[in-house]
Protein backbone atom coordinates (compact mmCIF):
# COMPACT_ATOMS: atom_id res chain seq x y z
CA UNK A 1 0.00 0.00 0.00
CA UNK A 2 1.42 3.43 -0.90
CA UNK A 3 2.71 5.46 1.99
CA UNK A 4 0.03 8.11 1.60
CA UNK A 5 -2.69 5.49 2.14
CA UNK A 6 -1.31 4.10 5.42
CA UNK A 7 -3.94 2.85 7.89
CA UNK A 8 -4.00 0.73 11.05
CA UNK A 9 -4.02 -2.35 8.82
CA UNK A 10 -0.40 -1.51 7.99
CA UNK A 11 0.74 -1.35 11.62
CA UNK A 12 3.46 -3.83 12.56
CA UNK A 13 2.74 -6.35 15.29
CA UNK A 14 3.13 -4.73 18.71
CA UNK A 15 3.22 -7.89 20.81
CA UNK A 16 5.52 -7.63 23.82
CA UNK A 17 5.71 -3.85 23.59
CA UNK A 18 4.67 -1.46 26.35
CA UNK A 19 3.04 1.84 25.38
CA UNK A 20 1.96 4.79 27.53
CA UNK A 21 -0.75 6.96 25.96
CA UNK A 22 -1.73 10.10 27.85
CA UNK A 23 -5.32 11.31 27.62
CA UNK A 24 -6.46 7.94 26.30
CA UNK A 25 -10.01 7.87 27.64
CA UNK A 26 -11.40 9.95 24.76
CA UNK A 27 -10.74 11.26 21.25
CA UNK A 28 -7.58 10.41 19.34
CA UNK A 29 -5.94 9.14 22.54
CA UNK A 30 -8.67 6.52 22.90
CA UNK A 31 -8.30 5.47 19.27
CA UNK A 32 -4.51 5.35 19.62
CA UNK A 33 -4.74 3.11 22.68
CA UNK A 34 -7.32 0.86 21.01
CA UNK A 35 -5.26 0.37 17.85
CA UNK A 36 -2.09 -0.44 19.79
CA UNK A 37 -3.93 -2.94 22.03
CA UNK A 38 -5.55 -4.60 19.01
CA UNK A 39 -2.08 -5.10 17.56
CA UNK A 40 -0.79 -6.81 20.69
CA UNK A 41 0.72 -4.04 22.84
CA UNK A 42 0.34 -3.70 26.58
CA UNK A 43 -1.16 -0.20 26.74
CA UNK A 44 -1.01 1.97 29.82
CA UNK A 45 -3.92 4.36 29.57
CA UNK A 46 -2.69 7.39 31.49
CA UNK A 47 -5.86 9.29 32.42
CA UNK A 48 -6.72 12.05 34.86
CA UNK A 49 -10.05 10.43 35.76
CA UNK A 50 -9.66 6.78 36.68
CA UNK A 51 -13.38 6.03 36.30
CA UNK A 52 -13.48 7.41 32.77
CA UNK A 53 -10.28 5.57 31.98
CA UNK A 54 -11.69 2.25 33.14
CA UNK A 55 -14.88 2.79 31.15
CA UNK A 56 -12.80 3.53 28.05
CA UNK A 57 -10.67 0.44 28.63
CA UNK A 58 -13.82 -1.68 28.91
CA UNK A 59 -15.05 -0.32 25.56
CA UNK A 60 -11.74 -1.18 23.92
CA UNK A 61 -11.71 -4.66 25.43
CA UNK A 62 -15.27 -5.28 24.30
CA UNK A 63 -14.14 -4.71 20.72
CA UNK A 64 -11.52 -7.43 21.04
CA UNK A 65 -7.77 -7.08 21.53
CA UNK A 66 -4.73 -9.32 21.37
CA UNK A 67 -2.93 -7.02 23.79
CA UNK A 68 -3.73 -5.87 27.30
CA UNK A 69 -4.78 -2.64 28.98
CA UNK A 70 -3.90 -0.90 32.22
CA UNK A 71 -5.45 2.30 33.56
CA UNK A 72 -3.21 4.52 35.66
CA UNK A 73 -3.99 7.96 37.07
CA UNK A 74 -2.03 10.86 35.58
CA UNK A 75 -2.95 14.53 35.91
CA UNK A 76 -0.54 16.51 33.75
CA UNK A 77 -1.70 19.72 35.42
CA UNK A 78 -0.11 18.59 38.69
CA UNK A 79 3.62 17.83 38.87
CA UNK A 80 3.14 15.68 41.97
CA UNK A 81 0.77 13.46 39.96
CA UNK A 82 3.37 13.16 37.19
CA UNK A 83 5.95 12.07 39.75
CA UNK A 84 3.59 9.52 41.33
CA UNK A 85 2.65 8.08 37.95
CA UNK A 86 6.28 7.69 36.91
CA UNK A 87 7.24 6.10 40.23
CA UNK A 88 4.44 3.55 39.81
CA UNK A 89 5.40 2.86 36.20
CA UNK A 90 9.02 2.23 37.18
CA UNK A 91 7.83 -0.26 39.78
CA UNK A 92 5.74 -2.20 37.27
CA UNK A 93 7.72 -2.18 34.01
CA UNK A 94 11.35 -2.71 33.13
CA UNK A 95 10.98 -1.37 29.59
CA UNK A 96 8.92 1.23 27.74
CA UNK A 97 8.69 1.11 23.97
CA UNK A 98 6.32 4.00 23.27
CA UNK A 99 5.55 7.19 25.14
CA UNK A 100 2.75 9.04 23.36
CA UNK A 101 2.33 12.56 24.69
CA UNK A 102 -1.22 13.06 23.50
CA UNK A 103 -3.33 14.63 26.26
CA UNK A 104 -4.22 18.28 26.13
CA UNK A 105 -6.62 21.07 26.91
CA UNK A 106 -7.86 23.59 24.35
CA UNK A 107 -9.23 27.12 24.74
CA UNK A 108 -10.34 26.98 28.40
CA UNK A 109 -11.10 30.17 30.33
CA UNK A 110 -8.07 31.73 32.02
CA UNK A 111 -6.99 29.30 34.73
CA UNK A 112 -3.93 27.82 36.42
CA UNK A 113 -2.54 24.37 37.09
CA UNK A 114 -2.02 23.15 40.65
CA UNK A 115 1.56 24.44 40.40
CA UNK A 116 0.53 27.90 39.19
CA UNK A 117 1.22 27.59 35.47
CA UNK A 118 -1.20 28.83 32.81
CA UNK A 119 -3.39 25.79 32.22
CA UNK A 120 -2.68 25.13 28.54
CA UNK A 121 1.07 25.74 28.69
CA UNK A 122 1.30 23.88 31.98
CA UNK A 123 -0.67 20.83 30.84
CA UNK A 124 0.13 20.53 27.14
CA UNK A 125 3.84 21.33 27.37
CA UNK A 126 5.23 21.34 30.91
CA UNK A 127 3.30 18.27 32.06
CA UNK A 128 4.58 16.22 29.12
CA UNK A 129 8.07 17.71 29.47
CA UNK A 130 8.22 16.51 33.09
CA UNK A 131 6.70 13.13 32.19
CA UNK A 132 9.28 12.49 29.47
CA UNK A 133 12.14 13.57 31.73
CA UNK A 134 11.07 11.13 34.45
CA UNK A 135 10.62 8.23 32.01
CA UNK A 136 13.75 8.81 29.96
CA UNK A 137 15.78 6.23 31.87
CA UNK A 138 13.40 3.38 31.03
CA UNK A 139 12.98 4.62 27.46
CA UNK A 140 16.70 4.78 26.78
CA UNK A 141 17.27 1.20 27.92
CA UNK A 142 14.52 -0.06 25.59
CA UNK A 143 15.65 -0.81 22.03
CA UNK A 144 13.93 1.19 19.29
CA UNK A 145 11.80 3.15 21.77
CA UNK A 146 9.99 6.25 20.55
CA UNK A 147 8.53 9.39 22.09
CA UNK A 148 5.65 10.81 20.05
CA UNK A 149 4.49 14.32 20.96
CA UNK A 150 1.17 15.44 19.53
CA UNK A 151 1.13 19.04 18.32
CA UNK A 152 -1.45 20.87 16.19
CA UNK A 153 -1.91 23.02 13.12
CA UNK A 154 -2.46 25.77 15.71
CA UNK A 155 1.28 25.82 16.43
CA UNK A 156 1.53 28.11 13.39
CA UNK A 157 -0.44 30.78 15.26
CA UNK A 158 1.66 30.54 18.41
CA UNK A 159 4.77 32.32 19.60
CA UNK A 160 6.91 31.74 22.67
CA UNK A 161 6.81 34.88 24.83
CA UNK A 162 9.58 34.26 27.35
CA UNK A 163 8.68 37.47 29.16
CA UNK A 164 5.15 36.25 29.87
CA UNK A 165 4.82 32.49 29.38
CA UNK A 166 2.02 32.32 31.95
CA UNK A 167 -0.08 35.18 30.53
CA UNK A 168 0.19 37.28 33.67
CA UNK A 169 1.14 40.62 32.09
CA UNK A 170 -1.18 40.76 29.08
CA UNK A 171 -4.82 40.05 28.29
CA UNK A 172 -5.46 36.32 28.08
CA UNK A 173 -6.34 34.92 24.66
CA UNK A 174 -7.24 31.22 24.86
CA UNK A 175 -6.52 30.55 21.18
CA UNK A 176 -3.11 32.28 21.25
CA UNK A 177 -2.23 30.51 24.47
CA UNK A 178 -3.17 27.19 22.88
CA UNK A 179 -0.97 28.04 19.90
CA UNK A 180 1.94 28.78 22.25
CA UNK A 181 1.52 25.42 23.98
CA UNK A 182 1.37 23.50 20.69
CA UNK A 183 4.42 25.36 19.37
CA UNK A 184 6.18 24.41 22.61
CA UNK A 185 5.27 20.76 21.91
CA UNK A 186 7.03 20.91 18.55
CA UNK A 187 10.05 22.79 19.84
CA UNK A 188 10.37 20.15 22.57
CA UNK A 189 10.03 17.20 20.17
CA UNK A 190 12.68 18.56 17.81
CA UNK A 191 15.07 19.58 20.60
CA UNK A 192 14.67 16.23 22.34
CA UNK A 193 15.75 14.44 19.16
CA UNK A 194 18.78 16.70 18.78
CA UNK A 195 19.84 16.00 22.36
CA UNK A 196 19.21 12.27 22.09
CA UNK A 197 21.35 12.14 18.93
CA UNK A 198 24.18 14.11 20.52
CA UNK A 199 24.16 11.74 23.49
CA UNK A 200 24.20 8.68 21.24
CA UNK A 201 20.85 7.44 22.60
CA UNK A 202 18.80 5.23 20.27
CA UNK A 203 15.41 6.48 21.50
CA UNK A 204 13.66 8.45 18.76
CA UNK A 205 11.63 11.64 19.24
CA UNK A 206 9.00 12.45 16.63
CA UNK A 207 5.91 14.65 16.44
CA UNK A 208 2.46 14.34 14.91
CA UNK A 209 -0.73 16.32 14.49
CA UNK A 210 -4.30 15.13 13.79
CA UNK A 211 -5.40 17.77 11.27
CA UNK A 212 -9.00 18.79 11.79
CA UNK A 213 -10.47 16.04 13.92
CA UNK A 214 -13.72 16.28 15.83
CA UNK A 215 -13.15 15.41 19.50
CA UNK A 216 -14.20 16.46 22.98
CA UNK A 217 -11.06 18.64 23.05
CA UNK A 218 -13.09 21.32 21.28
CA UNK A 219 -15.79 21.51 23.97
CA UNK A 220 -14.79 25.12 24.79
CA UNK A 221 -15.06 26.23 21.16
CA UNK A 222 -18.60 26.84 19.94
CA UNK A 223 -17.67 27.45 16.31
CA UNK A 224 -15.54 24.31 15.97
CA UNK A 225 -18.22 22.16 17.54
CA UNK A 226 -20.71 23.54 15.00
CA UNK A 227 -18.36 22.80 12.08
CA UNK A 228 -17.26 19.36 13.26
CA UNK A 229 -20.12 17.37 11.68
CA UNK A 230 -19.46 19.01 8.31
CA UNK A 231 -15.68 19.21 8.08
CA UNK A 232 -13.91 17.21 10.78
CA UNK A 233 -12.43 13.75 10.47
CA UNK A 234 -13.59 11.11 12.97
CA UNK A 235 -11.15 10.38 15.81
CA UNK A 236 -10.00 7.07 14.32
CA UNK A 237 -8.79 8.94 11.24
CA UNK A 238 -7.24 11.71 13.31
CA UNK A 239 -5.24 9.13 15.26
CA UNK A 240 -3.50 7.77 12.15
CA UNK A 241 -0.59 10.27 12.10
CA UNK A 242 0.16 9.49 15.76
CA UNK A 243 0.05 5.75 15.10
CA UNK A 244 2.19 6.13 12.01
CA UNK A 245 4.79 8.15 13.93
CA UNK A 246 4.74 5.58 16.74
CA UNK A 247 4.95 2.35 14.75
CA UNK A 248 5.67 2.69 11.03
CA UNK A 249 8.92 1.72 9.40
CA UNK A 250 10.75 4.58 7.75
CA UNK A 251 9.79 7.23 10.31
CA UNK A 252 12.59 9.78 10.53
CA UNK A 253 14.09 10.86 13.87
CA UNK A 254 12.84 14.36 14.55
CA UNK A 255 10.13 13.97 11.90
CA UNK A 256 6.69 15.56 11.93
CA UNK A 257 3.67 13.70 10.55
CA UNK A 258 0.12 14.79 9.84
CA UNK A 259 -2.67 14.37 7.28
CA UNK A 260 -1.27 14.63 3.79
CA UNK A 261 -4.29 16.27 2.17
CA UNK A 262 -4.82 19.93 1.28
CA UNK A 263 -3.77 22.21 4.12
CA UNK A 264 -2.97 19.16 6.28
CA UNK A 265 -6.61 19.22 7.40
CA UNK A 266 -7.57 15.76 6.17
CA UNK A 267 -5.92 12.75 4.59
CA UNK A 268 -3.62 9.87 5.31
CA UNK A 269 -0.37 10.21 7.30
CA UNK A 270 2.52 11.92 5.57
CA UNK A 271 5.58 14.00 6.49
CA UNK A 272 4.50 17.62 6.98
CA UNK A 273 6.20 20.94 7.52
CA UNK A 274 6.10 23.31 10.46
CA UNK A 275 6.58 27.00 11.17
CA UNK A 276 9.99 28.67 11.06
CA UNK A 277 9.83 29.38 14.79
CA UNK A 278 9.34 25.67 15.53
CA UNK A 279 12.73 24.93 13.97
CA UNK A 280 14.57 27.81 15.67
CA UNK A 281 17.24 25.99 17.67
CA UNK A 282 18.01 29.01 19.86
CA UNK A 283 14.35 29.32 20.90
CA UNK A 284 14.19 25.56 21.50
CA UNK A 285 17.29 25.59 23.70
CA UNK A 286 15.98 28.52 25.73
CA UNK A 287 12.57 26.89 26.14
CA UNK A 288 14.27 23.68 27.28
CA UNK A 289 16.29 25.53 29.91
CA UNK A 290 13.28 27.50 31.14
CA UNK A 291 11.12 24.36 31.24
CA UNK A 292 13.69 22.46 33.31
CA UNK A 293 13.67 25.33 35.78
CA UNK A 294 9.89 25.51 35.96
CA UNK A 295 9.38 21.79 36.58
CA UNK A 296 12.49 21.35 38.71
CA UNK A 297 13.93 18.52 36.61
CA UNK A 298 16.91 17.94 34.35
CA UNK A 299 16.96 15.37 31.56
CA UNK A 300 19.50 12.57 32.07
CA UNK A 301 21.27 13.19 28.76
């Protein structure tokens, strides 16, 4: 099958592999977890709400899987929860093949995480930054492991304002804040790959985006929810770029994958481009340093 028609039918067998998928009780995270489990993986569904996670796991299991499912509590808006999750994961698993940084919040009213960060930047970027840092040891000792960070077309509308990352000195704009967080996701994914390569670590960092996919993520956006039935892809289609980045042969280290159709809105997985700011290595290095300071962690590179 040509590369631009890749679907879950083309996924390699995932038997014996362990995958962590954040935000996997709904949307593209749910579809990502389901596809991996159906192809034999042991999937850790990292969810903020354990009850919703268990209900989602039951729905996946009811559809039939050759793999297995675990539900573990993870609230990316609370660094103590990230630490607890990672401690528990280290106790249970001696290897980790896939870390899929998928969870996110989109366009909420102005609000803060438990640790005082602006909610979107704190959850979408800093939570996953801390999670990856704490799991890097088990990732790096697992052959052919991958970290997949899910960004968005909205990264093109974001900019990293180092003078006001938490939106404390200017009027809050949910859409611009979301764009900043998704740009931070891409900067992190690219910079992580550069640092892994310099350290001679086999683990691969890649990024993906779902195009225009209708999910519960858009619950705070009236206009998108109105347009979803007409224009949006279903979640199973939106999950394909993530699954491709996580499992396909030929994925490039530091690559970025999204729908290959017009405007990257719809279509099958393909390599896609990103904004000039997302590839600015000086901005990426500064964001990395600032992020380490904010979460109180350093990557073991």
